[in-house]
PDB file of N, CA and C in Angstrom:
ATOM      1  N   MET A   1      88.711  86.371 121.951  1.00  0.00           N
ATOM      2  CA  MET A   1      90.047  86.778 121.589  1.00  0.00           C
ATOM      3  C   MET A   1      90.515  85.951 120.405  1.00  0.00           C
ATOM      4  N   GLY A   2      91.153  86.583 119.421  1.00  0.00           N
ATOM      5  CA  GLY A   2      91.629  85.884 118.234  1.00  0.00           C
ATOM      6  C   GLY A   2      92.912  85.123 118.491  1.00  0.00           C
ATOM      7  N   SER A   3      93.273  84.308 117.539  1.00  0.00           N
ATOM      8  CA  SER A   3      94.519  83.551 117.675  1.00  0.00           C
ATOM      9  C   SER A   3      95.673  84.346 117.066  1.00  0.00           C
ATOM     10  N   ALA A   4      96.875  84.023 117.500  1.00  0.00           N
ATOM     11  CA  ALA A   4      98.064  84.710 117.009  1.00  0.00           C
ATOM     12  C   ALA A   4      98.307  84.358 115.543  1.00  0.00           C
ATOM     13  N   VAL A   5      98.792  85.320 114.807  1.00  0.00           N
ATOM     14  CA  VAL A   5      99.133  85.100 113.407  1.00  0.00           C
ATOM     15  C   VAL A   5     100.519  84.470 113.369  1.00  0.00           C
ATOM     16  N   ALA A   6     100.637  83.357 112.676  1.00  0.00           N
ATOM     17  CA  ALA A   6     101.928  82.669 112.583  1.00  0.00           C
ATOM     18  C   ALA A   6     102.877  83.465 111.693  1.00  0.00           C
ATOM     19  N   LEU A   7     104.110  83.547 112.113  1.00  0.00           N
ATOM     20  CA  LEU A   7     105.140  84.242 111.346  1.00  0.00           C
ATOM     21  C   LEU A   7     105.875  83.214 110.492  1.00  0.00           C
ATOM     22  N   ARG A   8     106.167  83.576 109.261  1.00  0.00           N
ATOM     23  CA  ARG A   8     106.830  82.638 108.353  1.00  0.00           C
ATOM     24  C   ARG A   8     108.115  82.113 108.987  1.00  0.00           C
ATOM     25  N   SER A   9     108.477  80.895 108.663  1.00  0.00           N
ATOM     26  CA  SER A   9     109.593  80.242 109.345  1.00  0.00           C
ATOM     27  C   SER A   9     110.847  80.097 108.475  1.00  0.00           C
ATOM     28  N   ASP A  10     110.832  80.668 107.272  1.00  0.00           N
ATOM     29  CA  ASP A  10     112.008  80.521 106.414  1.00  0.00           C
ATOM     30  C   ASP A  10     113.061  81.606 106.671  1.00  0.00           C
ATOM     31  N   TYR A  11     112.794  82.517 107.608  1.00  0.00           N
ATOM     32  CA  TYR A  11     113.775  83.520 108.034  1.00  0.00           C
ATOM     33  C   TYR A  11     114.034  83.346 109.518  1.00  0.00           C
ATOM     34  N   THR A  12     115.285  83.425 109.923  1.00  0.00           N
ATOM     35  CA  THR A  12     115.632  83.426 111.338  1.00  0.00           C
ATOM     36  C   THR A  12     115.657  84.872 111.823  1.00  0.00           C
ATOM     37  N   ALA A  13     115.732  85.038 113.130  1.00  0.00           N
ATOM     38  CA  ALA A  13     115.835  86.387 113.690  1.00  0.00           C
ATOM     39  C   ALA A  13     117.100  87.084 113.182  1.00  0.00           C
ATOM     40  N   VAL A  14     118.170  86.329 113.035  1.00  0.00           N
ATOM     41  CA  VAL A  14     119.424  86.896 112.512  1.00  0.00           C
ATOM     42  C   VAL A  14     119.229  87.388 111.082  1.00  0.00           C
ATOM     43  N   ASP A  15     118.533  86.613 110.265  1.00  0.00           N
ATOM     44  CA  ASP A  15     118.256  87.018 108.881  1.00  0.00           C
ATOM     45  C   ASP A  15     117.462  88.323 108.840  1.00  0.00           C
ATOM     46  N   VAL A  16     116.437  88.411 109.681  1.00  0.00           N
ATOM     47  CA  VAL A  16     115.578  89.592 109.680  1.00  0.00           C
ATOM     48  C   VAL A  16     116.357  90.809 110.190  1.00  0.00           C
ATOM     49  N   ARG A  17     117.201  90.608 111.197  1.00  0.00           N
ATOM     50  CA  ARG A  17     118.029  91.722 111.681  1.00  0.00           C
ATOM     51  C   ARG A  17     119.017  92.179 110.601  1.00  0.00           C
ATOM     52  N   ARG A  18     119.509  91.249 109.828  1.00  0.00           N
ATOM     53  CA  ARG A  18     120.414  91.601 108.728  1.00  0.00           C
ATOM     54  C   ARG A  18     119.672  92.454 107.690  1.00  0.00           C
ATOM     55  N   LEU A  19     118.425  92.091 107.392  1.00  0.00           N
ATOM     56  CA  LEU A  19     117.614  92.899 106.486  1.00  0.00           C
ATOM     57  C   LEU A  19     117.381  94.298 107.065  1.00  0.00           C
ATOM     58  N   ALA A  20     117.129  94.366 108.369  1.00  0.00           N
ATOM     59  CA  ALA A  20     116.913  95.663 109.022  1.00  0.00           C
ATOM     60  C   ALA A  20     118.157  96.532 108.936  1.00  0.00           C
ATOM     61  N   LYS A  21     119.302  95.929 109.150  1.00  0.00           N
ATOM     62  CA  LYS A  21     120.562  96.679 109.104  1.00  0.00           C
ATOM     63  C   LYS A  21     120.829  97.216 107.698  1.00  0.00           C
ATOM     64  N   GLY A  22     120.461  96.457 106.691  1.00  0.00           N
ATOM     65  CA  GLY A  22     120.714  96.852 105.310  1.00  0.00           C
ATOM     66  C   GLY A  22     119.694  97.821 104.738  1.00  0.00           C
ATOM     67  N   SER A  23     118.595  98.030 105.457  1.00  0.00           N
ATOM     68  CA  SER A  23     117.545  98.911 104.948  1.00  0.00           C
ATOM     69  C   SER A  23     117.944 100.375 105.091  1.00  0.00           C
ATOM     70  N   LYS A  24     117.625 101.161 104.090  1.00  0.00           N
ATOM     71  CA  LYS A  24     117.880 102.601 104.132  1.00  0.00           C
ATOM     72  C   LYS A  24     116.681 103.359 104.703  1.00  0.00           C
ATOM     73  N   ASP A  25     115.585 102.650 104.948  1.00  0.00           N
ATOM     74  CA  ASP A  25     114.356 103.242 105.475  1.00  0.00           C
ATOM     75  C   ASP A  25     114.252 102.925 106.970  1.00  0.00           C
ATOM     76  N   ALA A  26     114.323 103.970 107.797  1.00  0.00           N
ATOM     77  CA  ALA A  26     114.303 103.774 109.253  1.00  0.00           C
ATOM     78  C   ALA A  26     113.022 103.096 109.724  1.00  0.00           C
ATOM     79  N   ASN A  27     111.887 103.448 109.130  1.00  0.00           N
ATOM     80  CA  ASN A  27     110.623 102.824 109.536  1.00  0.00           C
ATOM     81  C   ASN A  27     110.615 101.331 109.220  1.00  0.00           C
ATOM     82  N   GLN A  28     111.136 100.978 108.064  1.00  0.00           N
ATOM     83  CA  GLN A  28     111.213  99.560 107.704  1.00  0.00           C
ATOM     84  C   GLN A  28     112.137  98.823 108.671  1.00  0.00           C
ATOM     85  N   SER A  29     113.246  99.438 109.029  1.00  0.00           N
ATOM     86  CA  SER A  29     114.177  98.815 109.977  1.00  0.00           C
ATOM     87  C   SER A  29     113.498  98.561 111.319  1.00  0.00           C
ATOM     88  N   ARG A  30     112.732  99.530 111.817  1.00  0.00           N
ATOM     89  CA  ARG A  30     112.030  99.349 113.095  1.00  0.00           C
ATOM     90  C   ARG A  30     111.026  98.210 113.006  1.00  0.00           C
ATOM     91  N   ARG A  31     110.301  98.136 111.903  1.00  0.00           N
ATOM     92  CA  ARG A  31     109.331  97.050 111.743  1.00  0.00           C
ATOM     93  C   ARG A  31     110.031  95.702 111.706  1.00  0.00           C
ATOM     94  N   LEU A  32     111.129  95.612 110.975  1.00  0.00           N
ATOM     95  CA  LEU A  32     111.865  94.347 110.881  1.00  0.00           C
ATOM     96  C   LEU A  32     112.450  93.943 112.237  1.00  0.00           C
ATOM     97  N   LEU A  33     112.934  94.910 113.009  1.00  0.00           N
ATOM     98  CA  LEU A  33     113.460  94.589 114.341  1.00  0.00           C
ATOM     99  C   LEU A  33     112.351  94.082 115.263  1.00  0.00           C
ATOM    100  N   ALA A  34     111.159  94.622 115.120  1.00  0.00           N
ATOM    101  CA  ALA A  34     110.022  94.120 115.896  1.00  0.00           C
ATOM    102  C   ALA A  34     109.699  92.681 115.494  1.00  0.00           C
ATOM    103  N   LEU A  35     109.741  92.391 114.200  1.00  0.00           N
ATOM    104  CA  LEU A  35     109.493  91.020 113.730  1.00  0.00           C
ATOM    105  C   LEU A  35     110.573  90.070 114.250  1.00  0.00           C
ATOM    106  N   ALA A  36     111.828  90.512 114.252  1.00  0.00           N
ATOM    107  CA  ALA A  36     112.913  89.674 114.773  1.00  0.00           C
ATOM    108  C   ALA A  36     112.695  89.372 116.249  1.00  0.00           C
ATOM    109  N   ALA A  37     112.200  90.341 116.995  1.00  0.00           N
ATOM    110  CA  ALA A  37     111.920  90.121 118.416  1.00  0.00           C
ATOM    111  C   ALA A  37     110.835  89.070 118.594  1.00  0.00           C
ATOM    112  N   VAL A  38     109.830  89.086 117.736  1.00  0.00           N
ATOM    113  CA  VAL A  38     108.773  88.066 117.796  1.00  0.00           C
ATOM    114  C   VAL A  38     109.366  86.688 117.508  1.00  0.00           C
ATOM    115  N   ILE A  39     110.224  86.612 116.506  1.00  0.00           N
ATOM    116  CA  ILE A  39     110.856  85.330 116.166  1.00  0.00           C
ATOM    117  C   ILE A  39     111.659  84.806 117.355  1.00  0.00           C
ATOM    118  N   ASP A  40     112.281  85.733 118.096  1.00  0.00           N
ATOM    119  CA  ASP A  40     113.065  85.350 119.276  1.00  0.00           C
ATOM    120  C   ASP A  40     112.207  84.953 120.468  1.00  0.00           C
ATOM    121  N   GLY A  41     110.882  85.119 120.356  1.00  0.00           N
ATOM    122  CA  GLY A  41     109.996  84.677 121.419  1.00  0.00           C
ATOM    123  C   GLY A  41     109.467  85.788 122.310  1.00  0.00           C
ATOM    124  N   MET A  42     109.774  87.034 122.000  1.00  0.00           N
ATOM    125  CA  MET A  42     109.260  88.149 122.785  1.00  0.00           C
ATOM    126  C   MET A  42     107.753  88.253 122.570  1.00  0.00           C
ATOM    127  N   SER A  43     107.052  88.735 123.574  1.00  0.00           N
ATOM    128  CA  SER A  43     105.605  88.903 123.415  1.00  0.00           C
ATOM    129  C   SER A  43     105.331  89.926 122.319  1.00  0.00           C
ATOM    130  N   ARG A  44     104.211  89.784 121.677  1.00  0.00           N
ATOM    131  CA  ARG A  44     103.881  90.700 120.575  1.00  0.00           C
ATOM    132  C   ARG A  44     103.704  92.128 121.083  1.00  0.00           C
ATOM    133  N   SER A  45     103.183  92.296 122.274  1.00  0.00           N
ATOM    134  CA  SER A  45     103.025  93.644 122.829  1.00  0.00           C
ATOM    135  C   SER A  45     104.379  94.308 123.032  1.00  0.00           C
ATOM    136  N   ASP A  46     105.321  93.559 123.615  1.00  0.00           N
ATOM    137  CA  ASP A  46     106.662  94.105 123.837  1.00  0.00           C
ATOM    138  C   ASP A  46     107.384  94.359 122.520  1.00  0.00           C
ATOM    139  N   ALA A  47     107.249  93.440 121.576  1.00  0.00           N
ATOM    140  CA  ALA A  47     107.889  93.609 120.270  1.00  0.00           C
ATOM    141  C   ALA A  47     107.310  94.807 119.530  1.00  0.00           C
ATOM    142  N   ALA A  48     106.008  95.013 119.657  1.00  0.00           N
ATOM    143  CA  ALA A  48     105.385  96.178 119.021  1.00  0.00           C
ATOM    144  C   ALA A  48     105.966  97.462 119.603  1.00  0.00           C
ATOM    145  N   GLY A  49     106.231  97.468 120.896  1.00  0.00           N
ATOM    146  CA  GLY A  49     106.845  98.631 121.526  1.00  0.00           C
ATOM    147  C   GLY A  49     108.209  98.941 120.955  1.00  0.00           C
ATOM    148  N   ILE A  50     108.990  97.912 120.635  1.00  0.00           N
ATOM    149  CA  ILE A  50     110.301  98.108 120.016  1.00  0.00           C
ATOM    150  C   ILE A  50     110.138  98.805 118.668  1.00  0.00           C
ATOM    151  N   GLY A  51     109.117  98.415 117.939  1.00  0.00           N
ATOM    152  CA  GLY A  51     108.887  98.982 116.611  1.00  0.00           C
ATOM    153  C   GLY A  51     108.121 100.292 116.627  1.00  0.00           C
ATOM    154  N   GLY A  52     107.745 100.771 117.814  1.00  0.00           N
ATOM    155  CA  GLY A  52     107.016 102.019 117.909  1.00  0.00           C
ATOM    156  C   GLY A  52     105.606 101.933 117.348  1.00  0.00           C
ATOM    157  N   MET A  53     104.966 100.786 117.559  1.00  0.00           N
ATOM    158  CA  MET A  53     103.612 100.577 117.036  1.00  0.00           C
ATOM    159  C   MET A  53     102.798  99.833 118.072  1.00  0.00           C
ATOM    160  N   ASP A  54     101.513  99.694 117.835  1.00  0.00           N
ATOM    161  CA  ASP A  54     100.709  98.878 118.738  1.00  0.00           C
ATOM    162  C   ASP A  54     100.659  97.442 118.217  1.00  0.00           C
ATOM    163  N   ARG A  55     100.098  96.572 119.035  1.00  0.00           N
ATOM    164  CA  ARG A  55     100.073  95.140 118.709  1.00  0.00           C
ATOM    165  C   ARG A  55      99.312  94.851 117.423  1.00  0.00           C
ATOM    166  N   HIS A  56      98.257  95.599 117.172  1.00  0.00           N
ATOM    167  CA  HIS A  56      97.445  95.365 115.967  1.00  0.00           C
ATOM    168  C   HIS A  56      98.202  95.763 114.702  1.00  0.00           C
ATOM    169  N   THR A  57      98.974  96.840 114.793  1.00  0.00           N
ATOM    170  CA  THR A  57      99.778  97.252 113.646  1.00  0.00           C
ATOM    171  C   THR A  57     100.859  96.216 113.382  1.00  0.00           C
ATOM    172  N   LEU A  58     101.452  95.680 114.450  1.00  0.00           N
ATOM    173  CA  LEU A  58     102.449  94.617 114.281  1.00  0.00           C
ATOM    174  C   LEU A  58     101.818  93.414 113.588  1.00  0.00           C
ATOM    175  N   ARG A  59     100.600  93.080 113.972  1.00  0.00           N
ATOM    176  CA  ARG A  59      99.902  91.956 113.319  1.00  0.00           C
ATOM    177  C   ARG A  59      99.766  92.210 111.815  1.00  0.00           C
ATOM    178  N   ASP A  60      99.421  93.446 111.460  1.00  0.00           N
ATOM    179  CA  ASP A  60      99.307  93.794 110.048  1.00  0.00           C
ATOM    180  C   ASP A  60     100.641  93.616 109.331  1.00  0.00           C
ATOM    181  N   TRP A  61     101.728  94.000 109.995  1.00  0.00           N
ATOM    182  CA  TRP A  61     103.055  93.856 109.373  1.00  0.00           C
ATOM    183  C   TRP A  61     103.486  92.404 109.292  1.00  0.00           C
ATOM    184  N   VAL A  62     103.044  91.577 110.221  1.00  0.00           N
ATOM    185  CA  VAL A  62     103.325  90.135 110.124  1.00  0.00           C
ATOM    186  C   VAL A  62     102.649  89.590 108.869  1.00  0.00           C
ATOM    187  N   HIS A  63     101.411  90.000 108.627  1.00  0.00           N
ATOM    188  CA  HIS A  63     100.715  89.564 107.402  1.00  0.00           C
ATOM    189  C   HIS A  63     101.495  89.993 106.156  1.00  0.00           C
ATOM    190  N   ARG A  64     101.944  91.238 106.131  1.00  0.00           N
ATOM    191  CA  ARG A  64     102.687  91.730 104.977  1.00  0.00           C
ATOM    192  C   ARG A  64     104.012  90.992 104.803  1.00  0.00           C
ATOM    193  N   PHE A  65     104.703  90.755 105.908  1.00  0.00           N
ATOM    194  CA  PHE A  65     105.978  90.038 105.845  1.00  0.00           C
ATOM    195  C   PHE A  65     105.774  88.623 105.343  1.00  0.00           C
ATOM    196  N   ASN A  66     104.722  87.983 105.796  1.00  0.00           N
ATOM    197  CA  ASN A  66     104.435  86.619 105.366  1.00  0.00           C
ATOM    198  C   ASN A  66     104.159  86.528 103.870  1.00  0.00           C
ATOM    199  N   THR A  67     103.592  87.584 103.337  1.00  0.00           N
ATOM    200  CA  THR A  67     103.272  87.612 101.911  1.00  0.00           C
ATOM    201  C   THR A  67     104.530  87.851 101.115  1.00  0.00           C
TER     202      THR A  67
END
């Protein structure tokens, strides 16, 4: 089993939710809300469910967000 991908620490969950609220793209908002849930300590599987994706897709979005 692989290790968890670390999420960047210069954004808080509140910051990410603010970005989600300001987004005009519903898919981007769902992804950002899933990332905020991870920052809040939710399991990646549960957070992926919030974003309507699987855990592996969430991992891919964590990589993109970190970049």
